[in-house]
Amino acid sequence: TAMKIYKYTVGTMGTNCYIIDGGSGKCAVVDPGADIEKITSAVESKGLTVEKIILTHAHFDHMLALEELRRLTGAPLLIYKDEAGLLADCNKNLLHRYADVDVPPEPAEVLLSDGDVITVGDGRLTVMHTPGHTPGSMCLVTGDTVISGDTLFRESIGRYDFPGGDYGTIMKSLEKFKALEGDYKILPGHGPSTTLSHEKEFNLYLQ
């Protein structure tokens, strides 16, 4: 069965937080960027229990509500293995620069690798490692949908000038999108949703 994905825009940076309803009353929260009450009330209103918390990458604006969500739900945090160093470093994850926070989140309970499958209720998400915005940036693929984090936006791509970012690397990661067959809904970390067919036609970085 296809998972239901709900989008909530949170925080001053307009980060897209996604609640993924995997069935059986279980959900995952992807990128709890801020506004903990907004996130928890959305989960409660749908009668869901948070089973997992997932970060597409460990930048401050994707995780300002992370520790509170962990405390309230007891759910484990899943990140890509190459992102552990960024999560733990308030200079690299920009918590210090932009949020005046100098205590990093606790380490992730689960470190993921490329191709890993994450179960959410009865549903499954496949990890696609897409470094470049950060070393451990990843996308989540389920059915005909890709949660693309800050790798791919509508007609744009993520910045590569932050610590651990690299232009050549993000361009290589975009090749993974070009290689996907058929069309996909793209749910990015900021801004409007799009489709892979639209991006292949209009996004200069995917030409």
C-alpha atoms as a PDB file:
ATOM      1  CA  THR A   1       0.000   0.000   0.000  1.00  0.00           C
ATOM      2  CA  ALA A   2       1.205   3.498  -0.795  1.00  0.00           C
ATOM      3  CA  MET A   3       2.231   5.554   2.194  1.00  0.00           C
ATOM      4  CA  LYS A   4       0.494   8.848   2.879  1.00  0.00           C
ATOM      5  CA  ILE A   5       2.902  11.764   3.132  1.00  0.00           C
ATOM      6  CA  TYR A   6       1.889  15.043   4.758  1.00  0.00           C
ATOM      7  CA  LYS A   7       3.936  18.227   4.367  1.00  0.00           C
ATOM      8  CA  TYR A   8       4.306  20.926   7.018  1.00  0.00           C
ATOM      9  CA  THR A   9       6.460  23.994   6.520  1.00  0.00           C
ATOM     10  CA  VAL A  10       8.242  24.954   9.744  1.00  0.00           C
ATOM     11  CA  GLY A  11      10.675  27.504  11.113  1.00  0.00           C
ATOM     12  CA  THR A  12      12.108  30.757   9.817  1.00  0.00           C
ATOM     13  CA  MET A  13      13.892  29.019   6.927  1.00  0.00           C
ATOM     14  CA  GLY A  14      10.656  27.483   5.600  1.00  0.00           C
ATOM     15  CA  THR A  15      11.859  23.906   6.023  1.00  0.00           C
ATOM     16  CA  ASN A  16       9.508  21.190   4.792  1.00  0.00           C
ATOM     17  CA  CYS A  17       8.862  18.627   7.505  1.00  0.00           C
ATOM     18  CA  TYR A  18       7.172  15.451   6.264  1.00  0.00           C
ATOM     19  CA  ILE A  19       5.021  13.073   8.289  1.00  0.00           C
ATOM     20  CA  ILE A  20       4.958   9.673   6.601  1.00  0.00           C
ATOM     21  CA  ASP A  21       1.977   7.511   7.532  1.00  0.00           C
ATOM     22  CA  GLY A  22       3.071   3.942   6.901  1.00  0.00           C
ATOM     23  CA  GLY A  23      -0.166   2.325   8.031  1.00  0.00           C
ATOM     24  CA  SER A  24      -0.931   0.418  11.262  1.00  0.00           C
ATOM     25  CA  GLY A  25      -1.011   3.755  13.087  1.00  0.00           C
ATOM     26  CA  LYS A  26       2.742   4.247  12.757  1.00  0.00           C
ATOM     27  CA  CYS A  27       4.550   7.201  11.175  1.00  0.00           C
ATOM     28  CA  ALA A  28       7.998   8.632  10.604  1.00  0.00           C
ATOM     29  CA  VAL A  29       8.818  12.315  10.938  1.00  0.00           C
ATOM     30  CA  VAL A  30      11.358  13.539   8.392  1.00  0.00           C
ATOM     31  CA  ASP A  31      13.288  16.759   9.145  1.00  0.00           C
ATOM     32  CA  PRO A  32      11.655  18.145  12.312  1.00  0.00           C
ATOM     33  CA  GLY A  33      13.028  21.606  11.589  1.00  0.00           C
ATOM     34  CA  ALA A  34      11.158  23.654  14.211  1.00  0.00           C
ATOM     35  CA  ASP A  35       7.658  24.261  15.605  1.00  0.00           C
ATOM     36  CA  ILE A  36       7.406  21.144  17.770  1.00  0.00           C
ATOM     37  CA  GLU A  37       3.751  21.841  18.652  1.00  0.00           C
ATOM     38  CA  LYS A  38       2.795  21.996  14.969  1.00  0.00           C
ATOM     39  CA  ILE A  39       4.472  18.629  14.359  1.00  0.00           C
ATOM     40  CA  THR A  40       3.122  16.817  17.418  1.00  0.00           C
ATOM     41  CA  SER A  41      -0.423  18.125  17.003  1.00  0.00           C
ATOM     42  CA  ALA A  42      -0.393  17.011  13.340  1.00  0.00           C
ATOM     43  CA  VAL A  43       0.708  13.525  14.415  1.00  0.00           C
ATOM     44  CA  GLU A  44      -1.929  13.382  17.155  1.00  0.00           C
ATOM     45  CA  SER A  45      -4.741  14.676  14.940  1.00  0.00           C
ATOM     46  CA  LYS A  46      -4.084  11.765  12.579  1.00  0.00           C
ATOM     47  CA  GLY A  47      -4.050   9.237  15.426  1.00  0.00           C
ATOM     48  CA  LEU A  48      -0.455   8.244  14.671  1.00  0.00           C
ATOM     49  CA  THR A  49       2.492   7.138  16.785  1.00  0.00           C
ATOM     50  CA  VAL A  50       5.975   8.315  15.801  1.00  0.00           C
ATOM     51  CA  GLU A  51       8.021   5.189  15.164  1.00  0.00           C
ATOM     52  CA  LYS A  52      11.106   6.815  13.641  1.00  0.00           C
ATOM     53  CA  ILE A  53      12.665  10.249  13.174  1.00  0.00           C
ATOM     54  CA  ILE A  54      14.723  10.710  10.016  1.00  0.00           C
ATOM     55  CA  LEU A  55      17.009  13.545   8.925  1.00  0.00           C
ATOM     56  CA  THR A  56      17.747  13.962   5.218  1.00  0.00           C
ATOM     57  CA  HIS A  57      20.837  15.808   6.476  1.00  0.00           C
ATOM     58  CA  ALA A  58      22.001  17.392   9.721  1.00  0.00           C
ATOM     59  CA  HIS A  59      21.673  21.130   9.064  1.00  0.00           C
ATOM     60  CA  PHE A  60      20.262  23.249  11.881  1.00  0.00           C
ATOM     61  CA  ASP A  61      17.074  24.193  10.037  1.00  0.00           C
ATOM     62  CA  HIS A  62      16.109  20.543   9.619  1.00  0.00           C
ATOM     63  CA  MET A  63      16.536  19.618  13.278  1.00  0.00           C
ATOM     64  CA  LEU A  64      15.716  22.441  15.683  1.00  0.00           C
ATOM     65  CA  ALA A  65      12.736  20.414  17.009  1.00  0.00           C
ATOM     66  CA  LEU A  66      14.635  17.115  16.949  1.00  0.00           C
ATOM     67  CA  GLU A  67      15.572  16.687  20.605  1.00  0.00           C
ATOM     68  CA  GLU A  68      12.134  17.697  21.828  1.00  0.00           C
ATOM     69  CA  LEU A  69      10.491  15.263  19.409  1.00  0.00           C
ATOM     70  CA  ARG A  70      12.811  12.492  20.591  1.00  0.00           C
ATOM     71  CA  ARG A  71      12.001  13.267  24.221  1.00  0.00           C
ATOM     72  CA  LEU A  72       8.251  13.337  23.607  1.00  0.00           C
ATOM     73  CA  THR A  73       8.089  10.194  21.454  1.00  0.00           C
ATOM     74  CA  GLY A  74      11.058   8.043  22.472  1.00  0.00           C
ATOM     75  CA  ALA A  75      11.536   7.379  18.747  1.00  0.00           C
ATOM     76  CA  PRO A  76      15.046   6.678  17.439  1.00  0.00           C
ATOM     77  CA  LEU A  77      16.871   9.019  15.065  1.00  0.00           C
ATOM     78  CA  LEU A  78      18.059   7.665  11.709  1.00  0.00           C
ATOM     79  CA  ILE A  79      20.692   9.479   9.653  1.00  0.00           C
ATOM     80  CA  TYR A  80      23.086   8.535   6.877  1.00  0.00           C
ATOM     81  CA  LYS A  81      26.360   7.223   8.327  1.00  0.00           C
ATOM     82  CA  ASP A  82      28.464   9.947   6.644  1.00  0.00           C
ATOM     83  CA  GLU A  83      26.406  12.626   8.422  1.00  0.00           C
ATOM     84  CA  ALA A  84      27.331  11.606  11.987  1.00  0.00           C
ATOM     85  CA  GLY A  85      30.235  14.067  12.106  1.00  0.00           C
ATOM     86  CA  LEU A  86      28.061  16.955  10.949  1.00  0.00           C
ATOM     87  CA  LEU A  87      25.328  16.134  13.481  1.00  0.00           C
ATOM     88  CA  ALA A  88      27.877  16.309  16.300  1.00  0.00           C
ATOM     89  CA  ASP A  89      29.571  19.577  15.258  1.00  0.00           C
ATOM     90  CA  CYS A  90      27.698  22.836  15.909  1.00  0.00           C
ATOM     91  CA  ASN A  91      29.962  24.733  13.533  1.00  0.00           C
ATOM     92  CA  LYS A  92      29.487  22.341  10.615  1.00  0.00           C
ATOM     93  CA  ASN A  93      25.743  21.862  11.139  1.00  0.00           C
ATOM     94  CA  LEU A  94      25.356  25.656  11.424  1.00  0.00           C
ATOM     95  CA  LEU A  95      23.567  25.512  14.806  1.00  0.00           C
ATOM     96  CA  HIS A  96      26.151  27.938  16.186  1.00  0.00           C
ATOM     97  CA  ARG A  97      26.049  30.389  13.276  1.00  0.00           C
ATOM     98  CA  TYR A  98      22.311  30.609  12.701  1.00  0.00           C
ATOM     99  CA  ALA A  99      20.611  29.452  15.928  1.00  0.00           C
ATOM    100  CA  ASP A 100      23.164  30.442  18.587  1.00  0.00           C
ATOM    101  CA  VAL A 101      23.109  26.851  19.848  1.00  0.00           C
ATOM    102  CA  ASP A 102      26.328  25.193  21.012  1.00  0.00           C
ATOM    103  CA  VAL A 103      25.062  21.828  22.239  1.00  0.00           C
ATOM    104  CA  PRO A 104      24.652  19.358  19.362  1.00  0.00           C
ATOM    105  CA  PRO A 105      21.868  16.770  19.282  1.00  0.00           C
ATOM    106  CA  GLU A 106      22.534  13.357  20.762  1.00  0.00           C
ATOM    107  CA  PRO A 107      24.046  10.867  18.271  1.00  0.00           C
ATOM    108  CA  ALA A 108      21.698   8.967  15.997  1.00  0.00           C
ATOM    109  CA  GLU A 109      20.505   5.552  17.163  1.00  0.00           C
ATOM    110  CA  VAL A 110      20.680   4.228  13.580  1.00  0.00           C
ATOM    111  CA  LEU A 111      23.298   4.974  10.904  1.00  0.00           C
ATOM    112  CA  LEU A 112      22.145   4.185   7.378  1.00  0.00           C
ATOM    113  CA  SER A 113      23.922   3.071   4.200  1.00  0.00           C
ATOM    114  CA  ASP A 114      22.991   3.478   0.534  1.00  0.00           C
ATOM    115  CA  GLY A 115      20.164   1.121  -0.449  1.00  0.00           C
ATOM    116  CA  ASP A 116      19.041   0.438   3.117  1.00  0.00           C
ATOM    117  CA  VAL A 117      15.300  -0.061   3.568  1.00  0.00           C
ATOM    118  CA  ILE A 118      13.559   1.746   6.427  1.00  0.00           C
ATOM    119  CA  THR A 119      10.243   0.277   7.544  1.00  0.00           C
ATOM    120  CA  VAL A 120       7.476   2.616   8.698  1.00  0.00           C
ATOM    121  CA  GLY A 121       4.395   0.716   9.819  1.00  0.00           C
ATOM    122  CA  ASP A 122       3.621  -1.482   6.805  1.00  0.00           C
ATOM    123  CA  GLY A 123       5.537   0.767   4.396  1.00  0.00           C
ATOM    124  CA  ARG A 124       9.112   0.925   3.202  1.00  0.00           C
ATOM    125  CA  LEU A 125      11.504   3.754   2.325  1.00  0.00           C
ATOM    126  CA  THR A 126      14.710   3.136   0.390  1.00  0.00           C
ATOM    127  CA  VAL A 127      17.803   5.210   1.178  1.00  0.00           C
ATOM    128  CA  MET A 128      19.522   6.914  -1.772  1.00  0.00           C
ATOM    129  CA  HIS A 129      22.817   8.542  -0.757  1.00  0.00           C
ATOM    130  CA  THR A 130      23.116  11.934  -2.493  1.00  0.00           C
ATOM    131  CA  PRO A 131      26.155  13.766  -1.079  1.00  0.00           C
ATOM    132  CA  GLY A 132      27.120  17.266  -2.168  1.00  0.00           C
ATOM    133  CA  HIS A 133      24.945  19.590  -0.097  1.00  0.00           C
ATOM    134  CA  THR A 134      26.479  17.750   2.869  1.00  0.00           C
ATOM    135  CA  PRO A 135      28.577  14.545   2.922  1.00  0.00           C
ATOM    136  CA  GLY A 136      25.714  12.429   4.265  1.00  0.00           C
ATOM    137  CA  SER A 137      22.761  13.998   2.486  1.00  0.00           C
ATOM    138  CA  MET A 138      20.257  11.345   1.459  1.00  0.00           C
ATOM    139  CA  CYS A 139      16.923  11.024  -0.303  1.00  0.00           C
ATOM    140  CA  LEU A 140      14.105   8.659   0.593  1.00  0.00           C
ATOM    141  CA  VAL A 141      12.355   6.757  -2.188  1.00  0.00           C
ATOM    142  CA  THR A 142       8.960   5.129  -1.775  1.00  0.00           C
ATOM    143  CA  GLY A 143       6.715   4.072  -4.635  1.00  0.00           C
ATOM    144  CA  ASP A 144       6.602   6.995  -7.076  1.00  0.00           C
ATOM    145  CA  THR A 145       7.811   9.589  -4.551  1.00  0.00           C
ATOM    146  CA  VAL A 146      11.252  10.907  -3.603  1.00  0.00           C
ATOM    147  CA  ILE A 147      11.827  13.022  -0.507  1.00  0.00           C
ATOM    148  CA  SER A 148      14.852  14.890  -1.818  1.00  0.00           C
ATOM    149  CA  GLY A 149      16.044  16.920   1.180  1.00  0.00           C
ATOM    150  CA  ASP A 150      18.207  19.845   0.107  1.00  0.00           C
ATOM    151  CA  THR A 151      19.729  17.988  -2.857  1.00  0.00           C
ATOM    152  CA  LEU A 152      17.047  18.768  -5.457  1.00  0.00           C
ATOM    153  CA  PHE A 153      14.556  21.647  -5.380  1.00  0.00           C
ATOM    154  CA  ARG A 154      11.987  22.806  -7.922  1.00  0.00           C
ATOM    155  CA  GLU A 155      14.155  24.127 -10.796  1.00  0.00           C
ATOM    156  CA  SER A 156      17.148  24.413  -8.472  1.00  0.00           C
ATOM    157  CA  ILE A 157      19.561  22.447  -6.281  1.00  0.00           C
ATOM    158  CA  GLY A 158      20.939  22.724  -2.762  1.00  0.00           C
ATOM    159  CA  ARG A 159      23.827  24.986  -1.861  1.00  0.00           C
ATOM    160  CA  TYR A 160      27.270  23.429  -1.853  1.00  0.00           C
ATOM    161  CA  ASP A 161      29.227  26.221  -0.120  1.00  0.00           C
ATOM    162  CA  PHE A 162      28.538  25.122   3.475  1.00  0.00           C
ATOM    163  CA  PRO A 163      31.029  22.934   5.404  1.00  0.00           C
ATOM    164  CA  GLY A 164      31.293  19.523   3.713  1.00  0.00           C
ATOM    165  CA  GLY A 165      29.496  20.717   0.580  1.00  0.00           C
ATOM    166  CA  ASP A 166      30.975  20.230  -2.878  1.00  0.00           C
ATOM    167  CA  TYR A 167      29.754  21.151  -6.370  1.00  0.00           C
ATOM    168  CA  GLY A 168      31.280  18.178  -8.204  1.00  0.00           C
ATOM    169  CA  THR A 169      29.794  15.811  -5.645  1.00  0.00           C
ATOM    170  CA  ILE A 170      26.257  17.184  -5.846  1.00  0.00           C
ATOM    171  CA  MET A 171      26.426  17.032  -9.656  1.00  0.00           C
ATOM    172  CA  LYS A 172      27.321  13.327  -9.385  1.00  0.00           C
ATOM    173  CA  SER A 173      24.384  12.801  -7.024  1.00  0.00           C
ATOM    174  CA  LEU A 174      22.019  14.437  -9.518  1.00  0.00           C
ATOM    175  CA  GLU A 175      23.007  11.705 -11.999  1.00  0.00           C
ATOM    176  CA  LYS A 176      21.095   9.318  -9.712  1.00  0.00           C
ATOM    177  CA  PHE A 177      17.944  11.348 -10.369  1.00  0.00           C
ATOM    178  CA  LYS A 178      18.581  11.327 -14.112  1.00  0.00           C
ATOM    179  CA  ALA A 179      18.892   7.540 -13.963  1.00  0.00           C
ATOM    180  CA  LEU A 180      15.476   7.026 -12.344  1.00  0.00           C
ATOM    181  CA  GLU A 181      13.025   5.541 -14.831  1.00  0.00           C
ATOM    182  CA  GLY A 182       9.496   6.834 -15.100  1.00  0.00           C
ATOM    183  CA  ASP A 183       8.130   9.841 -13.275  1.00  0.00           C
ATOM    184  CA  TYR A 184       8.343  10.635  -9.583  1.00  0.00           C
ATOM    185  CA  LYS A 185       6.868  13.209  -7.260  1.00  0.00           C
ATOM    186  CA  ILE A 186       9.747  15.193  -5.732  1.00  0.00           C
ATOM    187  CA  LEU A 187       9.225  16.464  -2.187  1.00  0.00           C
ATOM    188  CA  PRO A 188      12.127  18.810  -1.361  1.00  0.00           C
ATOM    189  CA  GLY A 189      13.479  20.228   1.884  1.00  0.00           C
ATOM    190  CA  HIS A 190      12.365  23.745   0.963  1.00  0.00           C
ATOM    191  CA  GLY A 191       9.868  25.242  -1.439  1.00  0.00           C
ATOM    192  CA  PRO A 192       7.160  23.685  -3.587  1.00  0.00           C
ATOM    193  CA  SER A 193       6.890  20.037  -4.585  1.00  0.00           C
ATOM    194  CA  THR A 194       7.671  19.138  -8.175  1.00  0.00           C
ATOM    195  CA  THR A 195       8.055  16.129 -10.462  1.00  0.00           C
ATOM    196  CA  LEU A 196      11.074  14.435 -11.935  1.00  0.00           C
ATOM    197  CA  SER A 197       9.753  14.991 -15.474  1.00  0.00           C
ATOM    198  CA  HIS A 198       9.439  18.728 -14.795  1.00  0.00           C
ATOM    199  CA  GLU A 199      12.970  18.876 -13.410  1.00  0.00           C
ATOM    200  CA  LYS A 200      14.462  16.915 -16.315  1.00  0.00           C
ATOM    201  CA  GLU A 201      12.921  19.488 -18.635  1.00  0.00           C
ATOM    202  CA  PHE A 202      13.381  22.753 -16.739  1.00  0.00           C
ATOM    203  CA  ASN A 203      16.142  22.312 -14.147  1.00  0.00           C
ATOM    204  CA  LEU A 204      19.445  23.435 -15.695  1.00  0.00           C
ATOM    205  CA  TYR A 205      21.379  21.181 -13.293  1.00  0.00           C
ATOM    206  CA  LEU A 206      19.626  18.082 -14.656  1.00  0.00           C
ATOM    207  CA  GLN A 207      20.269  18.806 -18.341  1.00  0.00           C
END
